[in-house]
Amino acid sequence: MESVSEPAPKVSHGINVYARERCGYFQMPLHYPRYTNSDYESMPEWKLDCLLSEYGLPVTGSVNQKRNFAMGAFLWPY
C-alpha cells in the first residue's frame, strides 16, 4: 500500500493559504463591540455598514433593518 500524504500547508503571514482559497477569507476581529442600545440607535449608517462588514455580517437593507440586526447580533440581555 502506498501512503497518501498531503503537501505541507503553504503559510503566508500566519494564515494557511490553501484554507483561505478553499473557504474564503474571514478573520474575526479581536474585540467584541461594546456599544449600548442608544449608541446603535444614533449610529450613522456608514458606521453600521463598517461594523457589520467587519464581522462578516450582511450589510443590505434599510438603515433601520441594519440597526435592528446589529442590536440583535451584538446586544445581550442581562
N, C-alpha and C. Protein backbone atom coordinates (compact mmCIF):
# COMPACT_ATOMS: atom_id res chain seq x y z
N MET A 1 0.84 -1.19 0.00
CA MET A 1 0.00 0.00 0.00
C MET A 1 0.88 1.24 0.00
N GLU A 2 0.41 2.21 -0.73
CA GLU A 2 1.14 3.46 -0.75
C GLU A 2 0.50 4.43 0.23
N SER A 3 1.31 5.20 0.86
CA SER A 3 0.75 6.20 1.77
C SER A 3 0.47 7.47 0.97
N VAL A 4 -0.61 8.08 1.32
CA VAL A 4 -1.00 9.31 0.66
C VAL A 4 -0.70 10.45 1.61
N SER A 5 0.09 11.34 1.14
CA SER A 5 0.40 12.49 2.00
C SER A 5 -0.01 13.76 1.30
N GLU A 6 -0.45 14.69 2.09
CA GLU A 6 -0.84 15.99 1.56
C GLU A 6 0.37 16.91 1.62
N PRO A 7 0.45 17.83 0.70
CA PRO A 7 1.56 18.77 0.77
C PRO A 7 1.47 19.61 2.04
N ALA A 8 2.61 20.03 2.53
CA ALA A 8 2.61 20.87 3.72
C ALA A 8 1.85 22.15 3.41
N PRO A 9 1.06 22.63 4.37
CA PRO A 9 0.28 23.83 4.10
C PRO A 9 1.18 25.02 3.84
N LYS A 10 0.83 25.78 2.81
CA LYS A 10 1.56 26.99 2.48
C LYS A 10 1.05 28.09 3.41
N VAL A 11 1.95 28.72 4.14
CA VAL A 11 1.56 29.72 5.13
C VAL A 11 2.08 31.08 4.71
N SER A 12 1.20 32.05 4.72
CA SER A 12 1.57 33.42 4.40
C SER A 12 1.06 34.33 5.51
N HIS A 13 1.93 35.00 6.20
CA HIS A 13 1.58 35.88 7.32
C HIS A 13 0.79 35.12 8.39
N GLY A 14 1.15 33.89 8.64
CA GLY A 14 0.49 33.10 9.67
C GLY A 14 -0.85 32.52 9.27
N ILE A 15 -1.22 32.64 8.00
CA ILE A 15 -2.52 32.16 7.53
C ILE A 15 -2.31 31.04 6.52
N ASN A 16 -3.01 29.93 6.70
CA ASN A 16 -2.94 28.81 5.77
C ASN A 16 -3.57 29.25 4.45
N VAL A 17 -2.76 29.40 3.41
CA VAL A 17 -3.21 29.90 2.12
C VAL A 17 -4.21 28.96 1.47
N TYR A 18 -4.01 27.65 1.58
CA TYR A 18 -4.94 26.69 0.98
C TYR A 18 -6.32 26.80 1.62
N ALA A 19 -6.37 26.95 2.93
CA ALA A 19 -7.67 27.09 3.60
C ALA A 19 -8.35 28.37 3.17
N ARG A 20 -7.60 29.45 3.00
CA ARG A 20 -8.18 30.72 2.59
C ARG A 20 -8.76 30.60 1.18
N GLU A 21 -8.04 29.92 0.28
CA GLU A 21 -8.52 29.77 -1.09
C GLU A 21 -9.75 28.87 -1.15
N ARG A 22 -9.80 27.86 -0.30
CA ARG A 22 -10.91 26.90 -0.33
C ARG A 22 -12.15 27.48 0.35
N CYS A 23 -12.00 28.19 1.44
CA CYS A 23 -13.14 28.61 2.25
C CYS A 23 -13.41 30.11 2.20
N GLY A 24 -12.65 30.88 1.45
CA GLY A 24 -12.78 32.32 1.51
C GLY A 24 -11.93 32.84 2.66
N TYR A 25 -11.88 34.12 2.82
CA TYR A 25 -11.03 34.67 3.86
C TYR A 25 -11.85 35.53 4.80
N PHE A 26 -11.87 35.17 6.05
CA PHE A 26 -12.51 35.96 7.09
C PHE A 26 -11.72 35.79 8.36
N GLN A 27 -11.41 36.88 9.00
CA GLN A 27 -10.70 36.82 10.27
C GLN A 27 -11.52 37.58 11.29
N MET A 28 -11.94 36.89 12.35
CA MET A 28 -12.77 37.51 13.38
C MET A 28 -11.99 38.63 14.07
N PRO A 29 -12.59 39.81 14.21
CA PRO A 29 -11.93 40.88 14.96
C PRO A 29 -11.65 40.45 16.39
N LEU A 30 -10.65 41.05 16.98
CA LEU A 30 -10.22 40.65 18.32
C LEU A 30 -11.19 41.06 19.41
N HIS A 31 -11.89 42.17 19.22
CA HIS A 31 -12.73 42.71 20.28
C HIS A 31 -14.19 42.69 19.89
N TYR A 32 -15.04 42.37 20.85
CA TYR A 32 -16.48 42.39 20.66
C TYR A 32 -16.94 43.84 20.78
N PRO A 33 -17.84 44.31 19.92
CA PRO A 33 -18.27 45.71 20.02
C PRO A 33 -18.95 45.99 21.36
N ARG A 34 -18.63 47.12 21.94
CA ARG A 34 -19.18 47.48 23.25
C ARG A 34 -20.06 48.72 23.13
N TYR A 35 -21.05 48.65 22.28
CA TYR A 35 -21.98 49.75 22.13
C TYR A 35 -23.24 49.46 22.92
N THR A 36 -23.90 50.52 23.35
CA THR A 36 -25.18 50.38 24.07
C THR A 36 -26.33 50.50 23.07
N ASN A 37 -27.52 50.25 23.55
CA ASN A 37 -28.71 50.35 22.72
C ASN A 37 -28.82 51.77 22.14
N SER A 38 -28.59 52.78 22.96
CA SER A 38 -28.68 54.16 22.48
C SER A 38 -27.58 54.48 21.47
N ASP A 39 -26.40 53.85 21.61
CA ASP A 39 -25.33 54.03 20.63
C ASP A 39 -25.78 53.53 19.26
N TYR A 40 -26.39 52.35 19.22
CA TYR A 40 -26.87 51.80 17.95
C TYR A 40 -27.98 52.66 17.35
N GLU A 41 -28.87 53.19 18.20
CA GLU A 41 -29.98 53.99 17.70
C GLU A 41 -29.51 55.30 17.07
N SER A 42 -28.38 55.85 17.54
CA SER A 42 -27.88 57.11 17.00
C SER A 42 -26.73 56.92 16.01
N MET A 43 -26.31 55.68 15.78
CA MET A 43 -25.16 55.40 14.92
C MET A 43 -25.51 55.69 13.46
N PRO A 44 -24.62 56.43 12.76
CA PRO A 44 -24.87 56.70 11.33
C PRO A 44 -24.76 55.42 10.50
N GLU A 45 -25.40 55.43 9.35
CA GLU A 45 -25.46 54.24 8.51
C GLU A 45 -24.07 53.77 8.09
N TRP A 46 -23.16 54.68 7.77
CA TRP A 46 -21.82 54.28 7.31
C TRP A 46 -21.09 53.52 8.41
N LYS A 47 -21.32 53.92 9.67
CA LYS A 47 -20.65 53.23 10.78
C LYS A 47 -21.25 51.85 11.00
N LEU A 48 -22.57 51.73 10.84
CA LEU A 48 -23.22 50.42 10.92
C LEU A 48 -22.69 49.50 9.83
N ASP A 49 -22.55 50.03 8.60
CA ASP A 49 -22.02 49.24 7.49
C ASP A 49 -20.61 48.73 7.81
N CYS A 50 -19.77 49.61 8.35
CA CYS A 50 -18.40 49.21 8.69
C CYS A 50 -18.40 48.13 9.77
N LEU A 51 -19.22 48.32 10.79
CA LEU A 51 -19.28 47.35 11.89
C LEU A 51 -19.76 45.99 11.40
N LEU A 52 -20.83 45.96 10.63
CA LEU A 52 -21.37 44.69 10.14
C LEU A 52 -20.40 44.00 9.20
N SER A 53 -19.79 44.74 8.30
CA SER A 53 -18.85 44.12 7.36
C SER A 53 -17.59 43.64 8.07
N GLU A 54 -17.18 44.32 9.13
CA GLU A 54 -16.01 43.88 9.90
C GLU A 54 -16.22 42.49 10.50
N TYR A 55 -17.45 42.18 10.86
CA TYR A 55 -17.77 40.88 11.43
C TYR A 55 -18.33 39.90 10.40
N GLY A 56 -18.27 40.25 9.12
CA GLY A 56 -18.73 39.35 8.07
C GLY A 56 -20.23 39.19 8.02
N LEU A 57 -20.96 40.18 8.50
CA LEU A 57 -22.42 40.11 8.53
C LEU A 57 -23.00 40.88 7.35
N PRO A 58 -24.25 40.59 6.97
CA PRO A 58 -24.84 41.25 5.80
C PRO A 58 -25.02 42.75 6.00
N VAL A 59 -24.77 43.51 4.95
CA VAL A 59 -24.84 44.96 5.00
C VAL A 59 -25.93 45.46 4.06
N THR A 60 -27.00 44.70 3.91
CA THR A 60 -28.08 45.08 3.00
C THR A 60 -29.30 45.49 3.80
N GLY A 61 -30.18 46.24 3.15
CA GLY A 61 -31.42 46.66 3.79
C GLY A 61 -31.39 48.12 4.15
N SER A 62 -32.47 48.57 4.77
CA SER A 62 -32.56 49.97 5.18
C SER A 62 -31.71 50.18 6.43
N VAL A 63 -31.52 51.44 6.78
CA VAL A 63 -30.72 51.74 7.96
C VAL A 63 -31.40 51.18 9.22
N ASN A 64 -32.72 51.19 9.27
CA ASN A 64 -33.43 50.62 10.43
C ASN A 64 -33.25 49.11 10.51
N GLN A 65 -33.25 48.44 9.35
CA GLN A 65 -33.03 46.99 9.34
C GLN A 65 -31.60 46.67 9.81
N LYS A 66 -30.64 47.45 9.35
CA LYS A 66 -29.25 47.24 9.77
C LYS A 66 -29.10 47.48 11.27
N ARG A 67 -29.75 48.55 11.77
CA ARG A 67 -29.69 48.86 13.20
C ARG A 67 -30.28 47.71 14.02
N ASN A 68 -31.45 47.24 13.62
CA ASN A 68 -32.09 46.14 14.35
C ASN A 68 -31.25 44.87 14.30
N PHE A 69 -30.64 44.60 13.14
CA PHE A 69 -29.80 43.42 13.01
C PHE A 69 -28.58 43.53 13.92
N ALA A 70 -27.93 44.69 13.92
CA ALA A 70 -26.75 44.90 14.76
C ALA A 70 -27.10 44.77 16.24
N MET A 71 -28.23 45.35 16.65
CA MET A 71 -28.64 45.24 18.05
C MET A 71 -28.95 43.80 18.42
N GLY A 72 -29.57 43.06 17.51
CA GLY A 72 -29.86 41.65 17.79
C GLY A 72 -28.61 40.80 17.83
N ALA A 73 -27.62 41.17 17.03
CA ALA A 73 -26.39 40.36 16.97
C ALA A 73 -25.43 40.68 18.11
N PHE A 74 -25.37 41.95 18.53
CA PHE A 74 -24.32 42.35 19.47
C PHE A 74 -24.79 42.69 20.87
N LEU A 75 -26.07 42.97 21.06
CA LEU A 75 -26.55 43.28 22.40
C LEU A 75 -27.06 42.01 23.07
N TRP A 76 -26.62 41.76 24.27
CA TRP A 76 -27.02 40.58 25.04
C TRP A 76 -27.91 41.01 26.18
N PRO A 77 -29.04 40.34 26.37
CA PRO A 77 -29.89 40.68 27.52
C PRO A 77 -29.20 40.26 28.82
N TYR A 78 -29.36 41.10 29.80
CA TYR A 78 -28.71 40.81 31.10
C TYR A 78 -29.59 40.04 32.01
